[in-house]
Amino acid sequence: MKNQEDRARQTATGKVTAYKDPNLPTPPAVSAGPDWAQAFTTISRQDAETLRAAVATLYPHDALDPLIYRRVIAQFDRVAAQSREAAEMFASFCARLSDGAVLPFAELAESYRVQALTNLETTPAFFFVQRLAVRYLYDDVEVWAAFGYEGASVQLGGYIKRGFDDLDWLPPLPNEI
């Protein structure tokens, strides 16, 4: 019972501990400072800021630390470093968002960013960025914790011994079953 109370308290306060399979690669470290994209090998600093703003516009979550969106772009840089085609797709996406804009995409008001993204949503570059954004954003343990998802439990012995074996929320079964 205590385990359930702890889990409920953690969920209510948003302080869930999320677990990820330790055999999976760790996300890249990203600086919290203004030079966060300086270490990137393929994506330029300006394109990194454009991509960060695009991902945050596509998947806005006020509860998420902005550093999480930066980690997504660090993953994009890893992908771009491994594939020339991917690097070209990111560059094409950023160029289209900047085409004819008075301000950099990241500095536009949200409504203008949404409109710019809507104009690109049928392009291969948009589809590529959108699909990778989903993959890397929602595969982050900090995102899981923010949403109350505890992640995989296989390496922890499963769910049953961690307070998930209580079915108090279901009505009792009828006697004739």
C-alpha atoms as a PDB file:
ATOM      1  CA  MET A   1       0.000   0.000   0.000  1.00  0.00           C
ATOM      2  CA  LYS A   2       2.815   2.405   0.833  1.00  0.00           C
ATOM      3  CA  ASN A   3       4.275   1.911  -2.636  1.00  0.00           C
ATOM      4  CA  GLN A   4       0.930   2.918  -4.163  1.00  0.00           C
ATOM      5  CA  GLU A   5       0.723   6.002  -1.983  1.00  0.00           C
ATOM      6  CA  ASP A   6       4.259   6.994  -2.974  1.00  0.00           C
ATOM      7  CA  ARG A   7       3.441   6.497  -6.647  1.00  0.00           C
ATOM      8  CA  ALA A   8       0.231   8.497  -6.356  1.00  0.00           C
ATOM      9  CA  ARG A   9       2.052  11.298  -4.544  1.00  0.00           C
ATOM     10  CA  GLN A  10       4.808  11.341  -7.154  1.00  0.00           C
ATOM     11  CA  THR A  11       2.277  11.457  -9.978  1.00  0.00           C
ATOM     12  CA  ALA A  12       0.271  14.222  -8.327  1.00  0.00           C
ATOM     13  CA  THR A  13       3.352  16.372  -7.817  1.00  0.00           C
ATOM     14  CA  GLY A  14       4.848  15.527 -11.187  1.00  0.00           C
ATOM     15  CA  LYS A  15       7.906  13.937  -9.573  1.00  0.00           C
ATOM     16  CA  VAL A  16       7.706  10.516 -11.127  1.00  0.00           C
ATOM     17  CA  THR A  17      10.976   8.680 -11.521  1.00  0.00           C
ATOM     18  CA  ALA A  18      11.196   7.369 -15.070  1.00  0.00           C
ATOM     19  CA  TYR A  19      13.373   4.399 -15.946  1.00  0.00           C
ATOM     20  CA  LYS A  20      14.904   3.595 -19.315  1.00  0.00           C
ATOM     21  CA  ASP A  21      16.580   0.386 -20.349  1.00  0.00           C
ATOM     22  CA  PRO A  22      20.238   0.896 -19.390  1.00  0.00           C
ATOM     23  CA  ASN A  23      21.310  -0.911 -22.573  1.00  0.00           C
ATOM     24  CA  LEU A  24      19.942   1.903 -24.732  1.00  0.00           C
ATOM     25  CA  PRO A  25      22.202   4.819 -25.678  1.00  0.00           C
ATOM     26  CA  THR A  26      22.110   7.885 -23.470  1.00  0.00           C
ATOM     27  CA  PRO A  27      20.903  11.183 -24.929  1.00  0.00           C
ATOM     28  CA  PRO A  28      23.586  13.698 -25.838  1.00  0.00           C
ATOM     29  CA  ALA A  29      24.624  16.285 -23.281  1.00  0.00           C
ATOM     30  CA  VAL A  30      23.654  19.816 -24.273  1.00  0.00           C
ATOM     31  CA  SER A  31      24.703  23.088 -22.721  1.00  0.00           C
ATOM     32  CA  ALA A  32      22.101  25.294 -21.069  1.00  0.00           C
ATOM     33  CA  GLY A  33      23.975  28.406 -22.203  1.00  0.00           C
ATOM     34  CA  PRO A  34      23.545  30.493 -25.357  1.00  0.00           C
ATOM     35  CA  ASP A  35      26.294  28.551 -27.188  1.00  0.00           C
ATOM     36  CA  TRP A  36      24.425  25.260 -26.877  1.00  0.00           C
ATOM     37  CA  ALA A  37      24.796  24.400 -30.587  1.00  0.00           C
ATOM     38  CA  GLN A  38      28.488  25.254 -30.791  1.00  0.00           C
ATOM     39  CA  ALA A  39      29.583  21.627 -30.443  1.00  0.00           C
ATOM     40  CA  PHE A  40      27.423  20.429 -33.333  1.00  0.00           C
ATOM     41  CA  THR A  41      29.367  18.947 -36.210  1.00  0.00           C
ATOM     42  CA  THR A  42      26.872  19.242 -39.056  1.00  0.00           C
ATOM     43  CA  ILE A  43      23.940  21.522 -38.247  1.00  0.00           C
ATOM     44  CA  SER A  44      24.781  25.227 -38.098  1.00  0.00           C
ATOM     45  CA  ARG A  45      23.972  27.279 -35.007  1.00  0.00           C
ATOM     46  CA  GLN A  46      21.303  29.229 -36.894  1.00  0.00           C
ATOM     47  CA  ASP A  47      19.700  26.057 -38.262  1.00  0.00           C
ATOM     48  CA  ALA A  48      19.844  24.503 -34.782  1.00  0.00           C
ATOM     49  CA  GLU A  49      17.868  27.444 -33.369  1.00  0.00           C
ATOM     50  CA  THR A  50      15.391  27.181 -36.259  1.00  0.00           C
ATOM     51  CA  LEU A  51      14.945  23.460 -35.683  1.00  0.00           C
ATOM     52  CA  ARG A  52      14.561  23.927 -31.918  1.00  0.00           C
ATOM     53  CA  ALA A  53      11.841  26.530 -32.470  1.00  0.00           C
ATOM     54  CA  ALA A  54      10.136  24.298 -35.044  1.00  0.00           C
ATOM     55  CA  VAL A  55      10.074  21.272 -32.715  1.00  0.00           C
ATOM     56  CA  ALA A  56       8.834  23.405 -29.799  1.00  0.00           C
ATOM     57  CA  THR A  57       6.116  24.835 -32.053  1.00  0.00           C
ATOM     58  CA  LEU A  58       5.062  21.415 -33.333  1.00  0.00           C
ATOM     59  CA  TYR A  59       5.081  19.849 -29.858  1.00  0.00           C
ATOM     60  CA  PRO A  60       4.565  22.589 -27.275  1.00  0.00           C
ATOM     61  CA  HIS A  61       4.703  21.452 -23.667  1.00  0.00           C
ATOM     62  CA  ASP A  62       5.008  24.240 -21.119  1.00  0.00           C
ATOM     63  CA  ALA A  63       6.090  21.778 -18.431  1.00  0.00           C
ATOM     64  CA  LEU A  64       9.193  20.709 -20.354  1.00  0.00           C
ATOM     65  CA  ASP A  65      12.590  22.224 -19.755  1.00  0.00           C
ATOM     66  CA  PRO A  66      13.813  24.008 -22.941  1.00  0.00           C
ATOM     67  CA  LEU A  67      16.959  21.891 -22.638  1.00  0.00           C
ATOM     68  CA  ILE A  68      14.907  18.871 -23.718  1.00  0.00           C
ATOM     69  CA  TYR A  69      14.145  20.494 -27.072  1.00  0.00           C
ATOM     70  CA  ARG A  70      17.860  21.248 -27.460  1.00  0.00           C
ATOM     71  CA  ARG A  71      18.645  17.564 -26.899  1.00  0.00           C
ATOM     72  CA  VAL A  72      16.299  16.695 -29.757  1.00  0.00           C
ATOM     73  CA  ILE A  73      18.338  18.940 -32.037  1.00  0.00           C
ATOM     74  CA  ALA A  74      21.557  17.364 -30.768  1.00  0.00           C
ATOM     75  CA  GLN A  75      20.086  14.034 -31.894  1.00  0.00           C
ATOM     76  CA  PHE A  76      19.295  15.631 -35.254  1.00  0.00           C
ATOM     77  CA  ASP A  77      22.962  16.632 -35.506  1.00  0.00           C
ATOM     78  CA  ARG A  78      24.001  13.021 -34.853  1.00  0.00           C
ATOM     79  CA  VAL A  79      21.683  11.858 -37.631  1.00  0.00           C
ATOM     80  CA  ALA A  80      22.952  14.552 -40.003  1.00  0.00           C
ATOM     81  CA  ALA A  81      26.567  13.624 -39.271  1.00  0.00           C
ATOM     82  CA  GLN A  82      25.851  10.031 -40.314  1.00  0.00           C
ATOM     83  CA  SER A  83      23.909  10.813 -43.488  1.00  0.00           C
ATOM     84  CA  ARG A  84      24.505  13.473 -46.113  1.00  0.00           C
ATOM     85  CA  GLU A  85      20.885  13.097 -47.244  1.00  0.00           C
ATOM     86  CA  ALA A  86      19.648  13.787 -43.717  1.00  0.00           C
ATOM     87  CA  ALA A  87      21.901  16.835 -43.445  1.00  0.00           C
ATOM     88  CA  GLU A  88      20.499  18.131 -46.733  1.00  0.00           C
ATOM     89  CA  MET A  89      16.930  17.501 -45.542  1.00  0.00           C
ATOM     90  CA  PHE A  90      17.514  19.516 -42.348  1.00  0.00           C
ATOM     91  CA  ALA A  91      19.149  22.316 -44.340  1.00  0.00           C
ATOM     92  CA  SER A  92      16.278  22.347 -46.845  1.00  0.00           C
ATOM     93  CA  PHE A  93      13.712  22.492 -44.048  1.00  0.00           C
ATOM     94  CA  CYS A  94      15.475  25.429 -42.373  1.00  0.00           C
ATOM     95  CA  ALA A  95      15.974  27.262 -45.670  1.00  0.00           C
ATOM     96  CA  ARG A  96      12.273  26.973 -46.490  1.00  0.00           C
ATOM     97  CA  LEU A  97      11.311  28.312 -43.058  1.00  0.00           C
ATOM     98  CA  SER A  98      13.666  31.261 -43.495  1.00  0.00           C
ATOM     99  CA  ASP A  99      12.720  31.959 -47.112  1.00  0.00           C
ATOM    100  CA  GLY A 100      11.357  35.492 -47.344  1.00  0.00           C
ATOM    101  CA  ALA A 101      11.075  35.948 -43.580  1.00  0.00           C
ATOM    102  CA  VAL A 102      11.880  39.337 -42.086  1.00  0.00           C
ATOM    103  CA  LEU A 103      13.032  37.777 -38.805  1.00  0.00           C
ATOM    104  CA  PRO A 104      14.703  34.448 -38.050  1.00  0.00           C
ATOM    105  CA  PHE A 105      12.086  31.711 -37.611  1.00  0.00           C
ATOM    106  CA  ALA A 106      12.898  31.321 -33.909  1.00  0.00           C
ATOM    107  CA  GLU A 107      12.087  34.989 -33.283  1.00  0.00           C
ATOM    108  CA  LEU A 108       8.688  34.956 -34.979  1.00  0.00           C
ATOM    109  CA  ALA A 109       5.483  35.000 -32.952  1.00  0.00           C
ATOM    110  CA  GLU A 110       3.926  31.584 -32.488  1.00  0.00           C
ATOM    111  CA  SER A 111       1.105  32.250 -34.949  1.00  0.00           C
ATOM    112  CA  TYR A 112       3.627  33.056 -37.702  1.00  0.00           C
ATOM    113  CA  ARG A 113       5.689  29.974 -36.872  1.00  0.00           C
ATOM    114  CA  VAL A 114       2.558  27.816 -37.053  1.00  0.00           C
ATOM    115  CA  GLN A 115       1.655  29.324 -40.429  1.00  0.00           C
ATOM    116  CA  ALA A 116       5.165  28.776 -41.785  1.00  0.00           C
ATOM    117  CA  LEU A 117       5.113  25.145 -40.649  1.00  0.00           C
ATOM    118  CA  THR A 118       1.624  24.637 -42.068  1.00  0.00           C
ATOM    119  CA  ASN A 119       2.904  25.833 -45.440  1.00  0.00           C
ATOM    120  CA  LEU A 120       5.567  23.106 -45.362  1.00  0.00           C
ATOM    121  CA  GLU A 121       3.553  20.209 -43.961  1.00  0.00           C
ATOM    122  CA  THR A 122       3.232  18.385 -47.296  1.00  0.00           C
ATOM    123  CA  THR A 123       6.958  18.484 -48.053  1.00  0.00           C
ATOM    124  CA  PRO A 124       9.350  15.577 -47.514  1.00  0.00           C
ATOM    125  CA  ALA A 125      11.575  17.823 -45.377  1.00  0.00           C
ATOM    126  CA  PHE A 126       8.688  18.582 -42.997  1.00  0.00           C
ATOM    127  CA  PHE A 127       7.736  14.916 -42.733  1.00  0.00           C
ATOM    128  CA  PHE A 128      11.364  13.982 -42.029  1.00  0.00           C
ATOM    129  CA  VAL A 129      11.789  16.585 -39.276  1.00  0.00           C
ATOM    130  CA  GLN A 130       8.369  15.884 -37.766  1.00  0.00           C
ATOM    131  CA  ARG A 131       8.924  12.113 -37.553  1.00  0.00           C
ATOM    132  CA  LEU A 132      12.396  12.469 -36.020  1.00  0.00           C
ATOM    133  CA  ALA A 133      11.081  15.062 -33.573  1.00  0.00           C
ATOM    134  CA  VAL A 134       8.459  12.610 -32.340  1.00  0.00           C
ATOM    135  CA  ARG A 135      11.057   9.880 -31.989  1.00  0.00           C
ATOM    136  CA  TYR A 136      13.612  11.875 -30.044  1.00  0.00           C
ATOM    137  CA  LEU A 137      11.317  14.135 -28.011  1.00  0.00           C
ATOM    138  CA  TYR A 138       9.077  11.418 -26.646  1.00  0.00           C
ATOM    139  CA  ASP A 139      11.942   8.986 -26.070  1.00  0.00           C
ATOM    140  CA  ASP A 140      13.462  11.198 -23.384  1.00  0.00           C
ATOM    141  CA  VAL A 141      13.159  10.059 -19.766  1.00  0.00           C
ATOM    142  CA  GLU A 142      12.671  13.654 -18.587  1.00  0.00           C
ATOM    143  CA  VAL A 143       9.639  13.906 -20.868  1.00  0.00           C
ATOM    144  CA  TRP A 144       8.362  10.603 -19.499  1.00  0.00           C
ATOM    145  CA  ALA A 145       8.749  11.851 -15.938  1.00  0.00           C
ATOM    146  CA  ALA A 146       7.036  15.151 -16.765  1.00  0.00           C
ATOM    147  CA  PHE A 147       4.056  13.230 -18.182  1.00  0.00           C
ATOM    148  CA  GLY A 148       3.922  10.738 -15.289  1.00  0.00           C
ATOM    149  CA  TYR A 149       5.154   7.731 -17.288  1.00  0.00           C
ATOM    150  CA  GLU A 150       7.616   5.601 -15.368  1.00  0.00           C
ATOM    151  CA  GLY A 151       9.029   3.846 -18.402  1.00  0.00           C
ATOM    152  CA  ALA A 152      10.049   0.250 -18.844  1.00  0.00           C
ATOM    153  CA  SER A 153      10.167  -1.961 -15.783  1.00  0.00           C
ATOM    154  CA  VAL A 154      11.766  -5.145 -17.061  1.00  0.00           C
ATOM    155  CA  GLN A 155      15.168  -4.289 -15.594  1.00  0.00           C
ATOM    156  CA  LEU A 156      13.427  -3.444 -12.292  1.00  0.00           C
ATOM    157  CA  GLY A 157      11.665  -6.804 -12.024  1.00  0.00           C
ATOM    158  CA  GLY A 158       8.380  -5.872 -13.684  1.00  0.00           C
ATOM    159  CA  TYR A 159       5.368  -3.875 -12.567  1.00  0.00           C
ATOM    160  CA  ILE A 160       3.687  -6.270 -10.146  1.00  0.00           C
ATOM    161  CA  LYS A 161       6.129  -5.798  -7.269  1.00  0.00           C
ATOM    162  CA  ARG A 162       6.211  -2.023  -7.757  1.00  0.00           C
ATOM    163  CA  GLY A 163       2.672  -1.203  -6.623  1.00  0.00           C
ATOM    164  CA  PHE A 164       0.834  -1.949  -9.846  1.00  0.00           C
ATOM    165  CA  ASP A 165      -0.804  -5.147  -8.595  1.00  0.00           C
ATOM    166  CA  ASP A 166      -3.652  -3.378  -6.816  1.00  0.00           C
ATOM    167  CA  LEU A 167      -6.968  -3.446  -8.616  1.00  0.00           C
ATOM    168  CA  ASP A 168      -8.897  -1.304  -6.127  1.00  0.00           C
ATOM    169  CA  TRP A 169     -10.055   0.900  -8.974  1.00  0.00           C
ATOM    170  CA  LEU A 170     -12.033  -1.972 -10.562  1.00  0.00           C
ATOM    171  CA  PRO A 171     -15.392  -3.109  -9.216  1.00  0.00           C
ATOM    172  CA  PRO A 172     -15.412  -6.553  -7.594  1.00  0.00           C
ATOM    173  CA  LEU A 173     -16.062  -9.515  -9.880  1.00  0.00           C
ATOM    174  CA  PRO A 174     -19.526 -11.092  -9.730  1.00  0.00           C
ATOM    175  CA  ASN A 175     -19.664 -14.353  -7.769  1.00  0.00           C
ATOM    176  CA  GLU A 176     -20.912 -16.396 -10.724  1.00  0.00           C
ATOM    177  CA  ILE A 177     -17.656 -16.031 -12.631  1.00  0.00           C
END
